[in-house]
C-alpha cells in the first residue's frame, strides 16, 4: 500500500512538473501527414460544393514536445472556388489536444488555423497561425502549420 501511495504521489509530482515546463506563450511549429476523403455534389449553375474528412499524424518541426507524435483529424466544407472552412483536433504523445477552426483555399493549399481551446497542458490556449499543404488532393498530403499561442 505504501508503494502504491509513493507511485501515485510521484505521478502527480511528475505531471505537475511537466505542465510547469510548457511555455505560457510562443510558437508551435508542426507538420502533419494526412489521408483524406473528399465528397462532392454538383450544384446549380455549374457550382460545386463538397466536404473533406482527414486523419493524420503530427510531428514537431522544431524539436519541441508540443504537438509531437500525436494524431490529428480535420473535417471541412469547400466550394467550387476552393474556399474551405472546418474544424481540427491536434494531439501530442500524451494525448492532450488543441482544437482549431480553419479557413483558406484548397486550390492554393493555404490558409489559417484559429485556436478554439485545448485539454491537459493546452487548457486555456488561444491563438492562431497559418497552414500550407502539398500533395495529391483526395489521396494524401503533408501540411506545415505554426500556431502563435498564449496559455492563460
N, C-alpha and C. Protein backbone atom coordinates (compact mmCIF):
# COMPACT_ATOMS: atom_id res chain seq x y z
N UNK A 1 0.83 -1.19 0.00
CA UNK A 1 0.00 0.00 0.00
C UNK A 1 0.88 1.26 0.00
N UNK A 2 1.95 1.22 0.82
CA UNK A 2 2.85 2.37 0.87
C UNK A 2 3.50 2.62 -0.49
N UNK A 3 3.88 1.54 -1.20
CA UNK A 3 4.49 1.67 -2.53
C UNK A 3 3.51 2.29 -3.52
N UNK A 4 2.23 1.93 -3.41
CA UNK A 4 1.21 2.49 -4.29
C UNK A 4 1.05 3.99 -4.05
N UNK A 5 1.03 4.41 -2.79
CA UNK A 5 0.91 5.83 -2.47
C UNK A 5 2.13 6.61 -2.98
N UNK A 6 3.32 6.04 -2.85
CA UNK A 6 4.52 6.70 -3.35
C UNK A 6 4.46 6.82 -4.87
N UNK A 7 3.99 5.78 -5.53
CA UNK A 7 3.88 5.82 -7.00
C UNK A 7 2.88 6.88 -7.44
N UNK A 8 1.73 6.96 -6.78
CA UNK A 8 0.71 7.96 -7.13
C UNK A 8 1.23 9.36 -6.88
N UNK A 9 1.89 9.56 -5.74
CA UNK A 9 2.46 10.87 -5.42
C UNK A 9 3.52 11.26 -6.45
N UNK A 10 4.34 10.31 -6.87
CA UNK A 10 5.36 10.58 -7.88
C UNK A 10 4.73 10.99 -9.20
N UNK A 11 3.67 10.29 -9.61
CA UNK A 11 2.99 10.63 -10.85
C UNK A 11 2.39 12.03 -10.80
N UNK A 12 1.77 12.38 -9.68
CA UNK A 12 1.21 13.72 -9.53
C UNK A 12 2.31 14.76 -9.62
N UNK A 13 3.44 14.52 -8.96
CA UNK A 13 4.56 15.46 -9.00
C UNK A 13 5.11 15.59 -10.41
N UNK A 14 5.31 14.46 -11.09
CA UNK A 14 5.84 14.48 -12.46
C UNK A 14 4.87 15.20 -13.38
N UNK A 15 3.57 14.92 -13.28
CA UNK A 15 2.58 15.59 -14.12
C UNK A 15 2.58 17.08 -13.88
N UNK A 16 2.65 17.49 -12.62
CA UNK A 16 2.69 18.92 -12.30
C UNK A 16 3.93 19.58 -12.84
N UNK A 17 5.06 18.90 -12.78
CA UNK A 17 6.30 19.44 -13.31
C UNK A 17 6.23 19.58 -14.82
N UNK A 18 5.67 18.57 -15.50
CA UNK A 18 5.57 18.63 -16.96
C UNK A 18 4.71 19.81 -17.39
N UNK A 19 3.62 20.07 -16.68
CA UNK A 19 2.76 21.18 -17.03
C UNK A 19 3.48 22.51 -16.81
N UNK A 20 4.31 22.60 -15.79
CA UNK A 20 5.01 23.84 -15.49
C UNK A 20 6.08 24.14 -16.55
N UNK A 21 6.57 23.11 -17.24
CA UNK A 21 7.63 23.28 -18.21
C UNK A 21 7.14 23.81 -19.56
N UNK A 22 5.86 23.88 -19.76
CA UNK A 22 5.32 24.36 -21.04
C UNK A 22 5.30 25.88 -21.03
N UNK A 23 5.92 26.50 -22.03
CA UNK A 23 5.89 27.97 -22.08
C UNK A 23 4.47 28.49 -22.17
N UNK A 24 4.21 29.58 -21.49
CA UNK A 24 2.86 30.18 -21.47
C UNK A 24 2.55 30.91 -22.77
N UNK A 25 3.55 31.14 -23.60
CA UNK A 25 3.32 31.74 -24.92
C UNK A 25 4.48 31.34 -25.82
N UNK A 26 4.22 31.43 -27.10
CA UNK A 26 5.26 31.07 -28.07
C UNK A 26 4.67 30.67 -29.39
N UNK A 27 5.44 29.89 -30.13
CA UNK A 27 5.00 29.40 -31.44
C UNK A 27 5.20 27.89 -31.46
N UNK A 28 4.16 27.17 -31.82
CA UNK A 28 4.24 25.72 -32.03
C UNK A 28 4.38 25.52 -33.54
N UNK A 29 5.47 24.90 -33.96
CA UNK A 29 5.66 24.58 -35.37
C UNK A 29 5.60 23.07 -35.52
N UNK A 30 4.68 22.61 -36.38
CA UNK A 30 4.49 21.17 -36.55
C UNK A 30 4.05 20.86 -37.97
N UNK A 31 4.19 19.60 -38.34
CA UNK A 31 3.75 19.15 -39.66
C UNK A 31 2.91 17.89 -39.50
N UNK A 32 2.04 17.68 -40.47
CA UNK A 32 1.08 16.60 -40.40
C UNK A 32 1.03 15.86 -41.72
N UNK A 33 1.07 14.55 -41.66
CA UNK A 33 0.83 13.71 -42.83
C UNK A 33 -0.62 13.29 -42.80
N UNK A 34 -1.33 13.49 -43.90
CA UNK A 34 -2.77 13.27 -43.96
C UNK A 34 -3.16 12.20 -44.97
N UNK A 35 -4.24 11.53 -44.68
CA UNK A 35 -5.01 10.75 -45.64
C UNK A 35 -6.41 11.36 -45.61
N UNK A 36 -6.95 11.75 -46.75
CA UNK A 36 -8.22 12.47 -46.79
C UNK A 36 -9.22 11.81 -47.74
N UNK A 37 -10.48 11.91 -47.39
CA UNK A 37 -11.59 11.51 -48.25
C UNK A 37 -12.36 12.76 -48.61
N UNK A 38 -12.61 12.96 -49.91
CA UNK A 38 -13.35 14.11 -50.41
C UNK A 38 -14.69 13.66 -50.96
N UNK A 39 -15.70 14.48 -50.77
CA UNK A 39 -17.05 14.21 -51.25
C UNK A 39 -17.54 15.46 -51.97
N UNK A 40 -18.06 15.31 -53.17
CA UNK A 40 -18.54 16.47 -53.91
C UNK A 40 -19.97 16.26 -54.37
N UNK A 41 -20.66 17.39 -54.51
CA UNK A 41 -22.03 17.41 -55.02
C UNK A 41 -22.13 18.53 -56.03
N UNK A 42 -22.63 18.22 -57.21
CA UNK A 42 -22.83 19.26 -58.22
C UNK A 42 -23.99 20.14 -57.80
N UNK A 43 -23.81 21.43 -57.92
CA UNK A 43 -24.87 22.38 -57.56
C UNK A 43 -25.43 23.03 -58.82
N UNK A 44 -26.29 24.00 -58.64
CA UNK A 44 -26.86 24.71 -59.78
C UNK A 44 -25.83 25.66 -60.38
N UNK A 45 -26.02 26.04 -61.65
CA UNK A 45 -25.14 26.98 -62.33
C UNK A 45 -23.69 26.54 -62.31
N UNK A 46 -23.46 25.25 -62.51
CA UNK A 46 -22.12 24.68 -62.54
C UNK A 46 -21.34 24.91 -61.24
N UNK A 47 -22.07 25.12 -60.17
CA UNK A 47 -21.43 25.28 -58.86
C UNK A 47 -21.22 23.89 -58.27
N UNK A 48 -20.22 23.77 -57.45
CA UNK A 48 -19.94 22.50 -56.79
C UNK A 48 -19.65 22.80 -55.33
N UNK A 49 -20.14 21.94 -54.47
CA UNK A 49 -19.80 22.03 -53.06
C UNK A 49 -19.32 20.65 -52.64
N UNK A 50 -18.57 20.61 -51.57
CA UNK A 50 -18.08 19.32 -51.12
C UNK A 50 -17.63 19.34 -49.68
N UNK A 51 -17.23 18.19 -49.23
CA UNK A 51 -16.74 18.03 -47.88
C UNK A 51 -15.47 17.21 -47.89
N UNK A 52 -14.71 17.33 -46.81
CA UNK A 52 -13.46 16.59 -46.68
C UNK A 52 -13.32 16.11 -45.24
N UNK A 53 -12.81 14.90 -45.09
CA UNK A 53 -12.55 14.32 -43.78
C UNK A 53 -11.12 13.77 -43.83
N UNK A 54 -10.25 14.30 -42.98
CA UNK A 54 -8.83 13.92 -42.99
C UNK A 54 -8.40 13.37 -41.63
N UNK A 55 -7.57 12.35 -41.68
CA UNK A 55 -6.96 11.76 -40.48
C UNK A 55 -5.46 11.74 -40.71
N UNK A 56 -4.69 12.03 -39.66
CA UNK A 56 -3.25 12.05 -39.83
C UNK A 56 -2.49 11.99 -38.53
N UNK A 57 -1.18 12.24 -38.65
CA UNK A 57 -0.27 12.23 -37.50
C UNK A 57 0.56 13.50 -37.51
N UNK A 58 0.78 14.08 -36.33
CA UNK A 58 1.55 15.31 -36.20
C UNK A 58 2.94 15.04 -35.64
N UNK A 59 3.87 15.88 -36.07
CA UNK A 59 5.25 15.82 -35.59
C UNK A 59 5.76 17.24 -35.43
N UNK A 60 6.47 17.49 -34.34
CA UNK A 60 7.07 18.80 -34.10
C UNK A 60 8.10 19.09 -35.18
N UNK A 61 8.07 20.30 -35.70
CA UNK A 61 9.05 20.70 -36.71
C UNK A 61 10.31 21.30 -36.09
N UNK A 62 10.23 21.70 -34.82
CA UNK A 62 11.34 22.41 -34.20
C UNK A 62 11.96 21.66 -33.02
N UNK A 63 11.60 20.39 -32.84
CA UNK A 63 12.20 19.59 -31.78
C UNK A 63 11.51 19.66 -30.44
N UNK A 64 10.46 20.48 -30.31
CA UNK A 64 9.75 20.55 -29.03
C UNK A 64 8.77 19.39 -28.91
N UNK A 65 8.29 19.16 -27.71
CA UNK A 65 7.33 18.08 -27.47
C UNK A 65 5.90 18.52 -27.77
N UNK A 66 5.69 19.80 -28.00
CA UNK A 66 4.33 20.29 -28.22
C UNK A 66 3.80 19.82 -29.57
N UNK A 67 2.68 19.15 -29.55
CA UNK A 67 2.02 18.55 -30.71
C UNK A 67 2.94 17.62 -31.48
N UNK A 68 3.77 16.88 -30.73
CA UNK A 68 4.68 15.92 -31.34
C UNK A 68 4.15 14.50 -31.15
N UNK A 69 4.19 13.71 -32.21
CA UNK A 69 3.79 12.31 -32.19
C UNK A 69 2.36 12.10 -31.73
N UNK A 70 1.46 12.93 -32.26
CA UNK A 70 0.05 12.81 -31.93
C UNK A 70 -0.79 12.56 -33.16
N UNK A 71 -2.05 12.28 -32.92
CA UNK A 71 -2.99 12.10 -34.02
C UNK A 71 -3.70 13.41 -34.31
N UNK A 72 -4.19 13.53 -35.52
CA UNK A 72 -4.91 14.73 -35.94
C UNK A 72 -6.13 14.32 -36.74
N UNK A 73 -7.14 15.15 -36.69
CA UNK A 73 -8.33 14.93 -37.50
C UNK A 73 -8.93 16.27 -37.87
N UNK A 74 -9.33 16.41 -39.13
CA UNK A 74 -9.99 17.64 -39.60
C UNK A 74 -11.16 17.26 -40.49
N UNK A 75 -12.18 18.09 -40.45
CA UNK A 75 -13.25 17.96 -41.43
C UNK A 75 -13.63 19.36 -41.88
N UNK A 76 -14.09 19.46 -43.10
CA UNK A 76 -14.43 20.78 -43.62
C UNK A 76 -15.35 20.71 -44.81
N UNK A 77 -15.71 21.88 -45.29
CA UNK A 77 -16.56 22.04 -46.47
C UNK A 77 -15.89 23.03 -47.40
N UNK A 78 -16.06 22.81 -48.72
CA UNK A 78 -15.46 23.69 -49.70
C UNK A 78 -16.44 23.96 -50.83
N UNK A 79 -16.15 25.00 -51.63
CA UNK A 79 -17.00 25.33 -52.77
C UNK A 79 -16.19 25.26 -54.07
N UNK A 80 -16.84 25.57 -55.16
CA UNK A 80 -16.22 25.44 -56.48
C UNK A 80 -14.98 26.32 -56.62
N UNK A 81 -14.90 27.42 -55.87
CA UNK A 81 -13.74 28.30 -55.91
C UNK A 81 -12.58 27.80 -55.06
N UNK A 82 -12.79 26.73 -54.31
CA UNK A 82 -11.74 26.18 -53.46
C UNK A 82 -11.75 26.74 -52.05
N UNK A 83 -12.66 27.71 -51.77
CA UNK A 83 -12.74 28.23 -50.40
C UNK A 83 -13.15 27.10 -49.48
N UNK A 84 -12.42 26.97 -48.36
CA UNK A 84 -12.65 25.86 -47.45
C UNK A 84 -12.67 26.38 -46.01
N UNK A 85 -13.50 25.74 -45.18
CA UNK A 85 -13.58 26.06 -43.75
C UNK A 85 -13.91 24.78 -43.00
N UNK A 86 -13.44 24.69 -41.76
CA UNK A 86 -13.73 23.49 -40.98
C UNK A 86 -13.14 23.54 -39.59
N UNK A 87 -12.99 22.37 -39.00
CA UNK A 87 -12.52 22.21 -37.63
C UNK A 87 -11.48 21.09 -37.57
N UNK A 88 -10.52 21.24 -36.64
CA UNK A 88 -9.48 20.22 -36.46
C UNK A 88 -9.25 19.94 -34.98
N UNK A 89 -8.72 18.77 -34.72
CA UNK A 89 -8.24 18.37 -33.40
C UNK A 89 -6.82 17.86 -33.59
N UNK A 90 -5.90 18.39 -32.79
CA UNK A 90 -4.48 18.02 -32.85
C UNK A 90 -4.09 17.47 -31.48
N UNK A 91 -3.28 16.43 -31.43
CA UNK A 91 -2.85 15.92 -30.12
C UNK A 91 -1.34 15.71 -30.10
N UNK A 92 -0.83 15.39 -28.91
CA UNK A 92 0.58 15.06 -28.75
C UNK A 92 0.69 13.65 -28.20
N UNK A 93 1.89 13.21 -27.92
CA UNK A 93 2.12 11.85 -27.44
C UNK A 93 1.44 11.58 -26.10
N UNK A 94 1.16 12.63 -25.31
CA UNK A 94 0.48 12.47 -24.03
C UNK A 94 -1.03 12.37 -24.18
N UNK A 95 -1.56 12.65 -25.38
CA UNK A 95 -3.00 12.63 -25.61
C UNK A 95 -3.69 13.94 -25.29
N UNK A 96 -2.91 15.01 -25.02
CA UNK A 96 -3.51 16.33 -24.80
C UNK A 96 -3.82 16.95 -26.16
N UNK A 97 -4.90 17.74 -26.23
CA UNK A 97 -5.40 18.24 -27.51
C UNK A 97 -5.42 19.75 -27.62
N UNK A 98 -5.27 20.21 -28.87
CA UNK A 98 -5.53 21.60 -29.26
C UNK A 98 -6.61 21.52 -30.33
N UNK A 99 -7.64 22.38 -30.21
CA UNK A 99 -8.74 22.42 -31.16
C UNK A 99 -8.67 23.72 -31.95
N UNK A 100 -8.93 23.61 -33.26
CA UNK A 100 -8.90 24.80 -34.10
C UNK A 100 -10.09 24.82 -35.07
N UNK A 101 -10.44 26.02 -35.48
CA UNK A 101 -11.24 26.24 -36.68
C UNK A 101 -10.23 26.63 -37.75
N UNK A 102 -10.54 26.35 -39.01
CA UNK A 102 -9.64 26.77 -40.07
C UNK A 102 -10.42 27.32 -41.25
N UNK A 103 -9.74 28.13 -42.04
CA UNK A 103 -10.27 28.58 -43.32
C UNK A 103 -9.10 28.72 -44.28
N UNK A 104 -9.42 28.90 -45.55
CA UNK A 104 -8.37 29.04 -46.55
C UNK A 104 -8.89 28.71 -47.92
N UNK A 105 -7.96 28.37 -48.80
CA UNK A 105 -8.31 28.00 -50.15
C UNK A 105 -7.61 26.70 -50.51
N UNK A 106 -8.41 25.68 -50.80
CA UNK A 106 -7.86 24.36 -51.15
C UNK A 106 -7.15 24.39 -52.49
N UNK A 107 -7.51 25.32 -53.36
CA UNK A 107 -6.85 25.42 -54.65
C UNK A 107 -5.40 25.82 -54.55
N UNK A 108 -5.07 26.69 -53.60
CA UNK A 108 -3.69 27.11 -53.39
C UNK A 108 -3.08 26.45 -52.16
N UNK A 109 -3.88 25.60 -51.48
CA UNK A 109 -3.40 24.82 -50.33
C UNK A 109 -2.80 25.66 -49.22
N UNK A 110 -3.49 26.72 -48.84
CA UNK A 110 -3.03 27.51 -47.69
C UNK A 110 -4.19 28.21 -47.03
N UNK A 111 -3.97 28.58 -45.77
CA UNK A 111 -5.00 29.27 -45.00
C UNK A 111 -4.52 29.50 -43.59
N UNK A 112 -5.49 29.62 -42.68
CA UNK A 112 -5.19 29.91 -41.27
C UNK A 112 -5.96 29.00 -40.34
N UNK A 113 -5.34 28.67 -39.20
CA UNK A 113 -5.97 27.97 -38.09
C UNK A 113 -6.21 28.99 -36.98
N UNK A 114 -7.34 28.84 -36.29
CA UNK A 114 -7.71 29.71 -35.17
C UNK A 114 -7.98 28.80 -33.97
N UNK A 115 -7.17 28.91 -32.93
CA UNK A 115 -7.30 28.03 -31.77
C UNK A 115 -8.61 28.34 -31.03
N UNK A 116 -9.39 27.28 -30.76
CA UNK A 116 -10.65 27.44 -30.04
C UNK A 116 -10.62 26.83 -28.64
N UNK A 117 -9.55 26.08 -28.31
CA UNK A 117 -9.46 25.51 -26.97
C UNK A 117 -8.44 24.40 -26.92
N UNK A 118 -8.32 23.80 -25.73
CA UNK A 118 -7.38 22.72 -25.55
C UNK A 118 -7.65 21.95 -24.28
N UNK A 119 -6.98 20.79 -24.15
CA UNK A 119 -7.11 19.96 -22.95
C UNK A 119 -5.73 19.72 -22.35
N UNK A 120 -5.72 19.27 -21.09
CA UNK A 120 -4.45 18.95 -20.43
C UNK A 120 -3.54 20.15 -20.39
N UNK A 121 -2.31 19.98 -20.84
CA UNK A 121 -1.32 21.06 -20.81
C UNK A 121 -1.71 22.24 -21.69
N UNK A 122 -2.66 22.02 -22.63
CA UNK A 122 -3.09 23.09 -23.53
C UNK A 122 -4.37 23.79 -23.07
N UNK A 123 -4.87 23.45 -21.88
CA UNK A 123 -6.08 24.10 -21.37
C UNK A 123 -5.84 25.61 -21.27
N UNK A 124 -6.79 26.40 -21.75
CA UNK A 124 -6.68 27.85 -21.72
C UNK A 124 -5.91 28.44 -22.89
N UNK A 125 -5.57 27.63 -23.90
CA UNK A 125 -4.77 28.11 -25.03
C UNK A 125 -5.63 28.93 -26.00
N UNK A 126 -5.04 30.00 -26.52
CA UNK A 126 -5.65 30.82 -27.56
C UNK A 126 -4.57 31.14 -28.58
N UNK A 127 -4.97 31.56 -29.77
CA UNK A 127 -4.01 31.97 -30.78
C UNK A 127 -4.42 31.57 -32.17
N UNK A 128 -3.50 31.71 -33.09
CA UNK A 128 -3.76 31.37 -34.48
C UNK A 128 -2.46 31.24 -35.24
N UNK A 129 -2.56 30.76 -36.48
CA UNK A 129 -1.39 30.65 -37.33
C UNK A 129 -1.71 30.05 -38.68
N UNK A 130 -0.77 30.16 -39.62
CA UNK A 130 -1.00 29.70 -40.98
C UNK A 130 -0.77 28.20 -41.17
N UNK A 131 -1.37 27.69 -42.24
CA UNK A 131 -1.10 26.32 -42.70
C UNK A 131 -0.85 26.35 -44.20
N UNK A 132 0.01 25.47 -44.67
CA UNK A 132 0.25 25.26 -46.09
C UNK A 132 0.39 23.76 -46.32
N UNK A 133 -0.12 23.30 -47.45
CA UNK A 133 -0.09 21.86 -47.74
C UNK A 133 0.45 21.60 -49.14
N UNK A 134 0.92 20.37 -49.32
CA UNK A 134 1.30 19.91 -50.65
C UNK A 134 0.98 18.43 -50.72
N UNK A 135 0.75 17.95 -51.93
CA UNK A 135 0.44 16.55 -52.10
C UNK A 135 -0.65 16.35 -53.12
N UNK A 136 -1.19 15.16 -53.14
CA UNK A 136 -2.22 14.79 -54.09
C UNK A 136 -3.58 14.89 -53.43
N UNK A 137 -4.39 15.85 -53.86
CA UNK A 137 -5.72 16.04 -53.27
C UNK A 137 -6.52 14.75 -53.42
N UNK A 138 -7.23 14.40 -52.36
CA UNK A 138 -8.07 13.22 -52.38
C UNK A 138 -7.34 11.94 -52.03
N UNK A 139 -6.02 11.97 -51.97
CA UNK A 139 -5.27 10.75 -51.66
C UNK A 139 -4.46 10.96 -50.39
N UNK A 140 -3.45 11.81 -50.45
CA UNK A 140 -2.61 12.08 -49.28
C UNK A 140 -1.95 13.43 -49.45
N UNK A 141 -1.58 14.02 -48.33
CA UNK A 141 -0.90 15.30 -48.38
C UNK A 141 -0.07 15.47 -47.12
N UNK A 142 0.79 16.48 -47.13
CA UNK A 142 1.60 16.84 -45.98
C UNK A 142 1.44 18.34 -45.78
N UNK A 143 1.14 18.73 -44.55
CA UNK A 143 0.92 20.14 -44.26
C UNK A 143 1.89 20.62 -43.18
N UNK A 144 2.29 21.88 -43.31
CA UNK A 144 3.08 22.56 -42.29
C UNK A 144 2.19 23.59 -41.63
N UNK A 145 2.22 23.61 -40.31
CA UNK A 145 1.42 24.56 -39.55
C UNK A 145 2.31 25.25 -38.51
N UNK A 146 1.93 26.46 -38.15
CA UNK A 146 2.51 27.09 -36.97
C UNK A 146 1.38 27.80 -36.25
N UNK A 147 1.42 27.76 -34.94
CA UNK A 147 0.41 28.40 -34.11
C UNK A 147 1.11 29.33 -33.13
N UNK A 148 0.87 30.61 -33.25
CA UNK A 148 1.34 31.57 -32.24
C UNK A 148 0.29 31.54 -31.14
N UNK A 149 0.70 31.20 -29.93
CA UNK A 149 -0.28 30.91 -28.87
C UNK A 149 0.05 31.63 -27.57
N UNK A 150 -0.97 31.62 -26.71
CA UNK A 150 -0.84 32.07 -25.32
C UNK A 150 -1.71 31.14 -24.49
N UNK A 151 -1.20 30.73 -23.33
CA UNK A 151 -1.98 29.92 -22.40
C UNK A 151 -2.25 30.76 -21.15
N UNK A 152 -3.51 30.89 -20.84
CA UNK A 152 -3.91 31.72 -19.68
C UNK A 152 -4.31 30.87 -18.52
